[in-house]
Structures are given as structure tokens and as C-alpha cells.
N, C-alpha and C. Protein backbone atom coordinates (compact mmCIF):
# COMPACT_ATOMS: atom_id res chain seq x y z
N MET A 1 0.84 -1.19 0.00
CA MET A 1 0.00 0.00 0.00
C MET A 1 0.89 1.26 0.00
N LYS A 2 0.55 2.19 -0.85
CA LYS A 2 1.30 3.43 -0.97
C LYS A 2 1.05 4.31 0.27
N THR A 3 2.10 5.03 0.70
CA THR A 3 1.96 5.97 1.81
C THR A 3 2.61 7.30 1.41
N VAL A 4 2.48 8.28 2.27
CA VAL A 4 3.11 9.58 2.05
C VAL A 4 4.63 9.41 1.92
N PHE A 5 5.18 8.41 2.61
CA PHE A 5 6.62 8.22 2.61
C PHE A 5 7.16 7.71 1.27
N ASP A 6 6.28 7.38 0.34
CA ASP A 6 6.70 6.94 -0.99
C ASP A 6 6.97 8.11 -1.95
N PHE A 7 6.76 9.34 -1.48
CA PHE A 7 6.88 10.51 -2.36
C PHE A 7 8.19 11.25 -2.13
N THR A 8 8.61 11.91 -3.20
CA THR A 8 9.78 12.79 -3.16
C THR A 8 9.30 14.18 -3.56
N VAL A 9 9.76 15.18 -2.82
CA VAL A 9 9.41 16.57 -3.09
C VAL A 9 10.71 17.36 -3.23
N LYS A 10 10.59 18.64 -3.50
CA LYS A 10 11.78 19.48 -3.60
C LYS A 10 11.78 20.51 -2.47
N ASP A 11 12.96 20.65 -1.85
CA ASP A 11 13.07 21.69 -0.82
C ASP A 11 13.09 23.06 -1.52
N ARG A 12 13.11 24.11 -0.74
CA ARG A 12 12.97 25.44 -1.35
C ARG A 12 14.14 25.82 -2.26
N LYS A 13 15.23 25.08 -2.17
CA LYS A 13 16.38 25.34 -3.04
C LYS A 13 16.38 24.42 -4.27
N GLY A 14 15.37 23.54 -4.36
CA GLY A 14 15.24 22.67 -5.52
C GLY A 14 15.84 21.29 -5.36
N LYS A 15 16.39 20.98 -4.18
CA LYS A 15 16.98 19.67 -3.92
C LYS A 15 15.88 18.66 -3.61
N LYS A 16 16.00 17.45 -4.20
CA LYS A 16 15.01 16.40 -3.96
C LYS A 16 15.10 15.91 -2.51
N VAL A 17 13.92 15.73 -1.90
CA VAL A 17 13.83 15.24 -0.53
C VAL A 17 12.84 14.09 -0.52
N SER A 18 13.31 12.92 -0.08
CA SER A 18 12.40 11.78 0.07
C SER A 18 11.64 11.94 1.38
N LEU A 19 10.33 11.79 1.32
CA LEU A 19 9.55 11.90 2.55
C LEU A 19 9.79 10.71 3.47
N LYS A 20 10.55 9.72 3.01
CA LYS A 20 10.98 8.62 3.90
C LYS A 20 11.80 9.18 5.06
N GLU A 21 12.40 10.36 4.86
CA GLU A 21 13.16 11.00 5.94
C GLU A 21 12.29 11.27 7.16
N TYR A 22 10.97 11.32 6.96
CA TYR A 22 10.04 11.63 8.04
C TYR A 22 9.31 10.39 8.55
N ALA A 23 9.76 9.20 8.14
CA ALA A 23 9.13 7.97 8.61
C ALA A 23 9.17 7.93 10.14
N ASN A 24 8.13 7.41 10.74
CA ASN A 24 7.98 7.30 12.19
C ASN A 24 7.73 8.64 12.87
N GLU A 25 7.34 9.65 12.10
CA GLU A 25 6.94 10.93 12.67
C GLU A 25 5.50 11.21 12.27
N VAL A 26 4.81 11.96 13.11
CA VAL A 26 3.48 12.45 12.77
C VAL A 26 3.69 13.73 11.96
N LEU A 27 3.01 13.82 10.82
CA LEU A 27 3.18 14.98 9.94
C LEU A 27 1.91 15.78 9.80
N LEU A 28 2.07 17.09 9.67
CA LEU A 28 0.99 17.97 9.26
C LEU A 28 1.49 18.64 7.98
N ILE A 29 0.86 18.30 6.85
CA ILE A 29 1.26 18.83 5.55
C ILE A 29 0.29 19.96 5.20
N VAL A 30 0.86 21.15 4.90
CA VAL A 30 0.04 22.36 4.74
C VAL A 30 0.41 23.10 3.46
N ASN A 31 -0.60 23.50 2.68
CA ASN A 31 -0.34 24.42 1.57
C ASN A 31 -0.57 25.83 2.09
N THR A 32 0.42 26.69 1.90
CA THR A 32 0.40 28.01 2.55
C THR A 32 0.50 29.15 1.54
N ALA A 33 0.28 30.35 2.04
CA ALA A 33 0.43 31.57 1.25
C ALA A 33 0.77 32.71 2.20
N THR A 34 1.54 33.65 1.72
CA THR A 34 2.01 34.74 2.58
C THR A 34 1.11 35.99 2.55
N LYS A 35 0.18 36.05 1.62
CA LYS A 35 -0.67 37.25 1.49
C LYS A 35 -2.15 36.91 1.64
N CYS A 36 -2.46 35.97 2.51
CA CYS A 36 -3.82 35.44 2.66
C CYS A 36 -4.40 35.85 4.00
N GLY A 37 -5.71 35.89 4.08
CA GLY A 37 -6.37 36.16 5.36
C GLY A 37 -6.04 35.11 6.41
N PHE A 38 -5.62 33.92 5.97
CA PHE A 38 -5.26 32.85 6.89
C PHE A 38 -3.76 32.83 7.23
N THR A 39 -2.97 33.73 6.64
CA THR A 39 -1.53 33.75 6.87
C THR A 39 -1.17 33.82 8.35
N PRO A 40 -1.93 34.51 9.20
CA PRO A 40 -1.61 34.50 10.64
C PRO A 40 -1.63 33.09 11.27
N GLN A 41 -2.16 32.11 10.55
CA GLN A 41 -2.10 30.75 11.07
C GLN A 41 -0.66 30.26 11.21
N TYR A 42 0.28 30.93 10.58
CA TYR A 42 1.69 30.57 10.78
C TYR A 42 2.04 30.62 12.27
N ASP A 43 1.48 31.60 13.00
CA ASP A 43 1.74 31.67 14.45
C ASP A 43 1.25 30.40 15.15
N GLU A 44 0.04 29.96 14.82
CA GLU A 44 -0.52 28.75 15.43
C GLU A 44 0.28 27.51 15.03
N LEU A 45 0.68 27.45 13.78
CA LEU A 45 1.47 26.31 13.31
C LEU A 45 2.82 26.26 14.02
N GLU A 46 3.46 27.40 14.17
CA GLU A 46 4.75 27.43 14.86
C GLU A 46 4.59 27.03 16.33
N ALA A 47 3.49 27.44 16.96
CA ALA A 47 3.24 27.03 18.35
C ALA A 47 3.07 25.51 18.45
N LEU A 48 2.33 24.92 17.49
CA LEU A 48 2.20 23.45 17.46
C LEU A 48 3.56 22.80 17.29
N TYR A 49 4.34 23.35 16.38
CA TYR A 49 5.66 22.80 16.09
C TYR A 49 6.55 22.83 17.34
N LYS A 50 6.56 23.96 18.01
CA LYS A 50 7.39 24.08 19.22
C LYS A 50 6.91 23.11 20.31
N LYS A 51 5.62 22.93 20.43
CA LYS A 51 5.06 22.09 21.49
C LYS A 51 5.33 20.60 21.24
N TYR A 52 5.22 20.15 19.99
CA TYR A 52 5.24 18.71 19.71
C TYR A 52 6.45 18.20 18.94
N HIS A 53 7.28 19.09 18.44
CA HIS A 53 8.39 18.66 17.58
C HIS A 53 9.30 17.63 18.26
N THR A 54 9.65 17.85 19.50
CA THR A 54 10.56 16.94 20.20
C THR A 54 9.91 15.59 20.50
N GLN A 55 8.58 15.51 20.31
CA GLN A 55 7.87 14.26 20.55
C GLN A 55 7.69 13.44 19.26
N GLY A 56 8.23 13.94 18.13
CA GLY A 56 8.11 13.21 16.87
C GLY A 56 7.08 13.80 15.92
N PHE A 57 6.91 15.11 15.95
CA PHE A 57 5.94 15.81 15.10
C PHE A 57 6.68 16.74 14.16
N GLU A 58 6.22 16.78 12.91
CA GLU A 58 6.84 17.65 11.90
C GLU A 58 5.75 18.31 11.07
N ILE A 59 5.97 19.57 10.74
CA ILE A 59 5.10 20.30 9.82
C ILE A 59 5.86 20.46 8.51
N LEU A 60 5.21 20.13 7.39
CA LEU A 60 5.80 20.31 6.07
C LEU A 60 5.01 21.40 5.35
N ASP A 61 5.66 22.50 5.07
CA ASP A 61 5.04 23.70 4.51
C ASP A 61 5.30 23.77 3.01
N PHE A 62 4.19 23.77 2.24
CA PHE A 62 4.28 23.86 0.78
C PHE A 62 3.57 25.12 0.30
N PRO A 63 4.32 26.20 0.03
CA PRO A 63 3.69 27.39 -0.52
C PRO A 63 3.00 27.08 -1.85
N CYS A 64 1.88 27.75 -2.06
CA CYS A 64 1.08 27.54 -3.28
C CYS A 64 0.47 28.87 -3.70
N ASN A 65 0.58 29.19 -4.97
CA ASN A 65 0.11 30.48 -5.49
C ASN A 65 -1.19 30.32 -6.28
N GLN A 66 -1.92 29.23 -6.10
CA GLN A 66 -3.11 28.96 -6.91
C GLN A 66 -4.39 29.64 -6.42
N PHE A 67 -4.37 30.21 -5.24
CA PHE A 67 -5.59 30.78 -4.67
C PHE A 67 -5.43 32.29 -4.53
N GLY A 68 -5.94 33.01 -5.48
CA GLY A 68 -5.86 34.47 -5.45
C GLY A 68 -4.45 35.02 -5.58
N GLN A 69 -3.53 34.22 -6.14
CA GLN A 69 -2.14 34.66 -6.31
C GLN A 69 -1.58 35.21 -4.99
N GLN A 70 -1.87 34.50 -3.89
CA GLN A 70 -1.52 34.99 -2.56
C GLN A 70 -0.19 34.46 -2.04
N ALA A 71 0.59 33.80 -2.89
CA ALA A 71 1.94 33.37 -2.52
C ALA A 71 2.92 33.84 -3.59
N PRO A 72 3.00 35.18 -3.76
CA PRO A 72 3.93 35.70 -4.77
C PRO A 72 5.37 35.60 -4.28
N GLY A 73 6.28 35.83 -5.16
CA GLY A 73 7.68 35.86 -4.76
C GLY A 73 8.37 34.52 -4.98
N THR A 74 9.66 34.55 -4.70
CA THR A 74 10.48 33.36 -4.86
C THR A 74 10.35 32.46 -3.62
N ASP A 75 10.83 31.25 -3.76
CA ASP A 75 10.83 30.34 -2.61
C ASP A 75 11.63 30.93 -1.46
N GLU A 76 12.75 31.56 -1.77
CA GLU A 76 13.59 32.14 -0.72
C GLU A 76 12.92 33.36 -0.08
N SER A 77 12.26 34.21 -0.88
CA SER A 77 11.60 35.39 -0.28
C SER A 77 10.42 34.97 0.60
N ILE A 78 9.72 33.90 0.21
CA ILE A 78 8.64 33.37 1.04
C ILE A 78 9.22 32.86 2.37
N HIS A 79 10.32 32.14 2.28
CA HIS A 79 10.96 31.61 3.49
C HIS A 79 11.38 32.75 4.42
N GLN A 80 12.01 33.76 3.86
CA GLN A 80 12.46 34.90 4.68
C GLN A 80 11.27 35.62 5.32
N PHE A 81 10.19 35.80 4.57
CA PHE A 81 8.98 36.42 5.11
C PHE A 81 8.48 35.65 6.33
N CYS A 82 8.42 34.33 6.21
CA CYS A 82 7.89 33.48 7.30
C CYS A 82 8.81 33.50 8.52
N LYS A 83 10.11 33.50 8.29
CA LYS A 83 11.07 33.56 9.40
C LYS A 83 10.97 34.91 10.11
N LEU A 84 10.94 35.98 9.34
CA LEU A 84 10.95 37.33 9.90
C LEU A 84 9.64 37.65 10.61
N ASN A 85 8.51 37.32 9.99
CA ASN A 85 7.21 37.74 10.53
C ASN A 85 6.60 36.75 11.52
N PHE A 86 6.96 35.47 11.40
CA PHE A 86 6.32 34.47 12.26
C PHE A 86 7.32 33.57 12.99
N GLY A 87 8.60 33.73 12.72
CA GLY A 87 9.63 32.95 13.40
C GLY A 87 9.54 31.45 13.16
N THR A 88 9.05 31.06 11.99
CA THR A 88 8.83 29.63 11.73
C THR A 88 10.16 28.88 11.61
N ASP A 89 10.18 27.69 12.19
CA ASP A 89 11.35 26.83 12.13
C ASP A 89 11.09 25.52 11.39
N PHE A 90 9.83 25.25 11.06
CA PHE A 90 9.53 23.97 10.39
C PHE A 90 9.94 24.03 8.92
N PRO A 91 10.14 22.86 8.31
CA PRO A 91 10.62 22.81 6.92
C PRO A 91 9.64 23.42 5.91
N ARG A 92 10.20 24.21 5.02
CA ARG A 92 9.42 24.83 3.95
C ARG A 92 9.98 24.31 2.63
N PHE A 93 9.09 23.96 1.74
CA PHE A 93 9.50 23.34 0.49
C PHE A 93 9.26 24.29 -0.68
N LYS A 94 9.62 23.84 -1.86
CA LYS A 94 9.44 24.61 -3.10
C LYS A 94 7.95 24.84 -3.35
N LYS A 95 7.64 26.01 -3.85
CA LYS A 95 6.26 26.34 -4.20
C LYS A 95 5.77 25.31 -5.21
N LEU A 96 4.51 24.88 -5.04
CA LEU A 96 3.96 23.87 -5.95
C LEU A 96 2.48 24.12 -6.22
N LYS A 97 1.94 23.31 -7.12
CA LYS A 97 0.50 23.37 -7.42
C LYS A 97 -0.18 22.20 -6.71
N VAL A 98 -1.36 22.48 -6.15
CA VAL A 98 -2.09 21.45 -5.41
C VAL A 98 -3.31 20.95 -6.17
N ASN A 99 -3.75 21.69 -7.18
CA ASN A 99 -4.91 21.33 -7.98
C ASN A 99 -4.55 21.36 -9.46
N GLY A 100 -5.37 20.69 -10.25
CA GLY A 100 -5.20 20.71 -11.70
C GLY A 100 -4.34 19.57 -12.20
N GLU A 101 -4.23 19.52 -13.52
CA GLU A 101 -3.48 18.45 -14.17
C GLU A 101 -2.02 18.43 -13.74
N ASP A 102 -1.46 19.62 -13.49
CA ASP A 102 -0.05 19.69 -13.11
C ASP A 102 0.15 19.81 -11.59
N ALA A 103 -0.84 19.35 -10.83
CA ALA A 103 -0.69 19.32 -9.38
C ALA A 103 0.45 18.37 -9.02
N ASP A 104 1.15 18.69 -7.97
CA ASP A 104 2.23 17.83 -7.49
C ASP A 104 1.67 16.44 -7.15
N PRO A 105 2.40 15.38 -7.48
CA PRO A 105 1.93 14.02 -7.18
C PRO A 105 1.57 13.81 -5.70
N LEU A 106 2.33 14.42 -4.79
CA LEU A 106 2.00 14.29 -3.37
C LEU A 106 0.58 14.79 -3.11
N TYR A 107 0.25 15.95 -3.67
CA TYR A 107 -1.08 16.52 -3.42
C TYR A 107 -2.18 15.75 -4.13
N LYS A 108 -1.88 15.17 -5.27
CA LYS A 108 -2.87 14.30 -5.92
C LYS A 108 -3.19 13.13 -4.99
N TYR A 109 -2.16 12.57 -4.39
CA TYR A 109 -2.33 11.45 -3.46
C TYR A 109 -3.10 11.88 -2.21
N LEU A 110 -2.71 13.00 -1.62
CA LEU A 110 -3.39 13.47 -0.40
C LEU A 110 -4.88 13.64 -0.63
N LYS A 111 -5.24 14.23 -1.77
CA LYS A 111 -6.66 14.46 -2.08
C LYS A 111 -7.40 13.15 -2.33
N GLU A 112 -6.70 12.16 -2.89
CA GLU A 112 -7.32 10.83 -3.07
C GLU A 112 -7.63 10.19 -1.72
N GLN A 113 -6.77 10.45 -0.75
CA GLN A 113 -6.92 9.84 0.56
C GLN A 113 -8.01 10.51 1.40
N LYS A 114 -8.10 11.84 1.31
CA LYS A 114 -9.09 12.58 2.11
C LYS A 114 -9.65 13.72 1.27
N GLY A 115 -10.94 13.63 0.98
CA GLY A 115 -11.61 14.68 0.21
C GLY A 115 -11.97 15.87 1.07
N PHE A 116 -12.67 16.79 0.47
CA PHE A 116 -13.10 18.01 1.16
C PHE A 116 -13.84 17.66 2.43
N ALA A 117 -13.41 18.24 3.54
CA ALA A 117 -13.95 17.89 4.86
C ALA A 117 -15.06 18.84 5.33
N GLY A 118 -15.34 19.88 4.56
CA GLY A 118 -16.37 20.84 4.97
C GLY A 118 -15.77 21.95 5.82
N TRP A 119 -16.44 23.06 5.83
CA TRP A 119 -15.99 24.24 6.58
C TRP A 119 -16.47 24.14 8.03
N ASN A 120 -15.73 24.75 8.91
CA ASN A 120 -16.17 24.89 10.29
C ASN A 120 -17.27 25.95 10.30
N PRO A 121 -18.52 25.58 10.64
CA PRO A 121 -19.63 26.53 10.56
C PRO A 121 -19.49 27.71 11.52
N GLU A 122 -18.63 27.58 12.52
CA GLU A 122 -18.48 28.65 13.50
C GLU A 122 -17.43 29.69 13.10
N HIS A 123 -16.66 29.41 12.06
CA HIS A 123 -15.60 30.34 11.65
C HIS A 123 -16.20 31.52 10.88
N LYS A 124 -15.70 32.72 11.17
CA LYS A 124 -16.26 33.93 10.56
C LYS A 124 -16.07 33.99 9.04
N LEU A 125 -15.08 33.30 8.49
CA LEU A 125 -14.86 33.35 7.04
C LEU A 125 -15.59 32.26 6.26
N THR A 126 -16.25 31.35 6.97
CA THR A 126 -16.97 30.27 6.29
C THR A 126 -17.98 30.79 5.28
N PRO A 127 -18.85 31.76 5.64
CA PRO A 127 -19.82 32.24 4.64
C PRO A 127 -19.15 32.90 3.43
N VAL A 128 -18.06 33.59 3.65
CA VAL A 128 -17.34 34.25 2.56
C VAL A 128 -16.77 33.21 1.59
N LEU A 129 -16.10 32.20 2.14
CA LEU A 129 -15.51 31.15 1.31
C LEU A 129 -16.59 30.38 0.56
N ASP A 130 -17.65 30.04 1.26
CA ASP A 130 -18.73 29.27 0.63
C ASP A 130 -19.36 30.06 -0.52
N GLU A 131 -19.60 31.32 -0.30
CA GLU A 131 -20.21 32.15 -1.37
C GLU A 131 -19.28 32.28 -2.57
N MET A 132 -18.02 32.57 -2.29
CA MET A 132 -17.05 32.76 -3.37
C MET A 132 -16.89 31.46 -4.18
N LEU A 133 -16.71 30.34 -3.51
CA LEU A 133 -16.48 29.08 -4.21
C LEU A 133 -17.75 28.58 -4.90
N SER A 134 -18.91 28.84 -4.32
CA SER A 134 -20.18 28.44 -4.95
C SER A 134 -20.40 29.17 -6.27
N LYS A 135 -19.95 30.43 -6.34
CA LYS A 135 -20.07 31.19 -7.58
C LYS A 135 -19.19 30.59 -8.68
N GLN A 136 -18.00 30.12 -8.28
CA GLN A 136 -17.07 29.52 -9.25
C GLN A 136 -17.54 28.13 -9.67
N ASP A 137 -18.09 27.38 -8.71
CA ASP A 137 -18.52 26.01 -8.97
C ASP A 137 -19.60 25.64 -7.96
N PRO A 138 -20.87 25.65 -8.37
CA PRO A 138 -21.95 25.34 -7.43
C PRO A 138 -21.82 23.96 -6.77
N ASP A 139 -21.05 23.09 -7.38
CA ASP A 139 -20.88 21.73 -6.86
C ASP A 139 -19.50 21.53 -6.20
N TYR A 140 -18.86 22.63 -5.80
CA TYR A 140 -17.47 22.55 -5.31
C TYR A 140 -17.30 21.61 -4.11
N LYS A 141 -18.32 21.46 -3.30
CA LYS A 141 -18.20 20.63 -2.08
C LYS A 141 -18.05 19.14 -2.41
N ASN A 142 -18.39 18.76 -3.63
CA ASN A 142 -18.39 17.35 -4.00
C ASN A 142 -17.14 16.88 -4.73
N ASN A 143 -16.10 17.71 -4.75
CA ASN A 143 -14.83 17.22 -5.32
C ASN A 143 -13.73 17.39 -4.28
N ALA A 144 -12.66 16.66 -4.47
CA ALA A 144 -11.59 16.60 -3.47
C ALA A 144 -10.57 17.72 -3.58
N ASP A 145 -10.72 18.59 -4.57
CA ASP A 145 -9.74 19.65 -4.74
C ASP A 145 -9.51 20.43 -3.45
N ILE A 146 -8.30 20.97 -3.33
CA ILE A 146 -8.00 21.89 -2.25
C ILE A 146 -8.81 23.15 -2.53
N LYS A 147 -9.47 23.66 -1.52
CA LYS A 147 -10.36 24.81 -1.72
C LYS A 147 -9.66 26.14 -1.50
N TRP A 148 -8.65 26.15 -0.58
CA TRP A 148 -8.00 27.42 -0.27
C TRP A 148 -6.67 27.16 0.43
N ASN A 149 -5.96 28.25 0.68
CA ASN A 149 -4.69 28.19 1.39
C ASN A 149 -4.90 27.65 2.82
N PHE A 150 -3.88 27.04 3.35
CA PHE A 150 -3.84 26.53 4.72
C PHE A 150 -4.77 25.34 4.95
N THR A 151 -4.97 24.54 3.90
CA THR A 151 -5.60 23.23 4.06
C THR A 151 -4.52 22.31 4.61
N LYS A 152 -4.90 21.49 5.58
CA LYS A 152 -3.91 20.66 6.29
C LYS A 152 -4.28 19.18 6.22
N PHE A 153 -3.25 18.34 6.07
CA PHE A 153 -3.43 16.90 6.09
C PHE A 153 -2.60 16.35 7.25
N LEU A 154 -3.25 15.56 8.10
CA LEU A 154 -2.56 14.93 9.22
C LEU A 154 -2.21 13.50 8.82
N VAL A 155 -0.94 13.14 9.03
CA VAL A 155 -0.40 11.85 8.60
C VAL A 155 0.18 11.14 9.83
N ASN A 156 -0.17 9.86 10.00
CA ASN A 156 0.35 9.13 11.16
C ASN A 156 1.79 8.65 10.92
N LYS A 157 2.37 8.01 11.92
CA LYS A 157 3.78 7.59 11.86
C LYS A 157 4.05 6.56 10.78
N LYS A 158 3.00 5.93 10.27
CA LYS A 158 3.16 4.93 9.20
C LYS A 158 2.99 5.54 7.81
N GLY A 159 2.74 6.86 7.75
CA GLY A 159 2.60 7.54 6.47
C GLY A 159 1.19 7.53 5.91
N ILE A 160 0.22 7.16 6.74
CA ILE A 160 -1.18 7.09 6.31
C ILE A 160 -1.89 8.40 6.65
N VAL A 161 -2.60 8.95 5.67
CA VAL A 161 -3.35 10.19 5.89
C VAL A 161 -4.58 9.86 6.74
N VAL A 162 -4.66 10.48 7.91
CA VAL A 162 -5.76 10.18 8.83
C VAL A 162 -6.81 11.28 8.90
N ALA A 163 -6.47 12.50 8.48
CA ALA A 163 -7.46 13.59 8.54
C ALA A 163 -7.08 14.70 7.57
N ARG A 164 -8.10 15.42 7.16
CA ARG A 164 -7.92 16.64 6.36
C ARG A 164 -8.67 17.74 7.08
N TYR A 165 -8.03 18.88 7.19
CA TYR A 165 -8.63 20.04 7.86
C TYR A 165 -8.65 21.22 6.89
N GLU A 166 -9.80 21.80 6.75
CA GLU A 166 -9.90 23.01 5.95
C GLU A 166 -9.34 24.18 6.77
N PRO A 167 -9.03 25.31 6.14
CA PRO A 167 -8.38 26.41 6.87
C PRO A 167 -9.24 27.02 7.97
N THR A 168 -10.52 26.71 7.98
CA THR A 168 -11.41 27.25 9.03
C THR A 168 -11.42 26.39 10.29
N GLU A 169 -10.73 25.25 10.26
CA GLU A 169 -10.74 24.34 11.43
C GLU A 169 -9.92 24.93 12.57
N SER A 170 -10.40 24.76 13.78
CA SER A 170 -9.72 25.24 14.98
C SER A 170 -8.40 24.47 15.18
N ILE A 171 -7.35 25.22 15.48
CA ILE A 171 -6.05 24.59 15.71
C ILE A 171 -6.11 23.70 16.96
N ASP A 172 -6.99 24.02 17.89
CA ASP A 172 -7.13 23.19 19.10
C ASP A 172 -7.63 21.79 18.75
N ASN A 173 -8.56 21.71 17.80
CA ASN A 173 -9.05 20.39 17.37
C ASN A 173 -7.94 19.58 16.70
N ILE A 174 -7.12 20.27 15.92
CA ILE A 174 -6.00 19.60 15.25
C ILE A 174 -4.99 19.12 16.31
N ALA A 175 -4.72 19.95 17.28
CA ALA A 175 -3.75 19.59 18.33
C ALA A 175 -4.19 18.34 19.08
N LYS A 176 -5.48 18.21 19.34
CA LYS A 176 -5.98 17.01 20.05
C LYS A 176 -5.67 15.74 19.25
N GLN A 177 -5.87 15.81 17.93
CA GLN A 177 -5.60 14.62 17.11
C GLN A 177 -4.10 14.35 17.01
N ILE A 178 -3.29 15.40 16.98
CA ILE A 178 -1.84 15.22 16.96
C ILE A 178 -1.41 14.49 18.24
N GLU A 179 -1.93 14.93 19.39
CA GLU A 179 -1.59 14.31 20.66
C GLU A 179 -1.94 12.82 20.67
N GLU A 180 -3.09 12.49 20.10
CA GLU A 180 -3.52 11.07 20.04
C GLU A 180 -2.53 10.25 19.21
N LEU A 181 -2.10 10.81 18.10
CA LEU A 181 -1.18 10.07 17.22
C LEU A 181 0.23 9.95 17.79
N LEU A 182 0.59 10.87 18.66
CA LEU A 182 1.94 10.83 19.25
C LEU A 182 2.04 9.84 20.40
N LYS A 183 0.92 9.35 20.91
CA LYS A 183 0.93 8.42 22.05
C LYS A 183 1.59 7.10 21.68
């Protein structure tokens, strides 16, 4: 059976990285953007990283410019922005595409494993996202495509995708599942 650890990605400098390097760790794989309303989630992600990293937790950050062109700039300028503004220490990879024919193979796999999970109805941006995406595609909820920046996939120590979180999901709910997987 294929797992996340069967994929190779490129670091922000273009060097190939086998995700086997992260075997036996719990992963949170995130598509990010530096000019998005959800960009402040970098603070929450870094707090998760600091809290759980020494217990076998890793965040893999994949910048993506497919949603409102909200990840402009080079891979290095994105990295510097995140270090300077949010103090992030988790690994950041080369900018990639998460949807479409030329989507990165890792993201094609992630979407096959976990489809759209729905918006958190309590989040203030849920109505905005739903209205915007419904105008583009009235049936958007029924496909597995990534809907927006800061969609997260939780992967267990065996490389199996166990959950998908839309950007409106509470970081506290994600933290609870991370704690369960680290036991």
C-alpha cells in the first residue's frame, strides 16, 4: 500500500527530498500563502511545532500560489517572510501546485486519501468562502480539490493520511488529534 513516505518533493532550493526522511513521525502537511487572510495561522502552526516537535511531530510547509495569487515571490523570499514575521522553524519546500493536471503528485495522493472535509460553521470566514467558491462552482463541495490556502493533512507515523482540515478548522481540534497520534 502506498503511503506519504513513498513521495519525493523538492526543498525550497530545488533539492530532492524523500519523505521517507520523516518515517515514524506524525506529519501535518500544509499548503500556505504569505498574502492570505489565513496567513496568521503561521503563528498557530509554529506554536504546534514548538510544542510537539521533540515528541516526533513535523510540519511540512508547501507554498502555493493557486488561490488568489496569494503566494507571490520566490521560494527564498517566502521563506524569509515566514522567518521574519512568524519565526517559523519547520521545513518549507518549493512552491507547488495542489490542484489541476499539473498538481504535485503528493497533493494528488493526499486528495485521493481525504476529500473536502467541509468548513467549520463557527468560523467567521466560512460564509465568505462558501459564497465565493459556490459562484465559481456550485458543486465545489463534492470534489476533493484543495479549496483554499492553509488546508492541512494529518499523517500518522506509518505515512497514512488520517485527517484533512480546511483552513477554518480550529487549531485546538487539530492539536488534540496530533496528541492522540503521538501516544
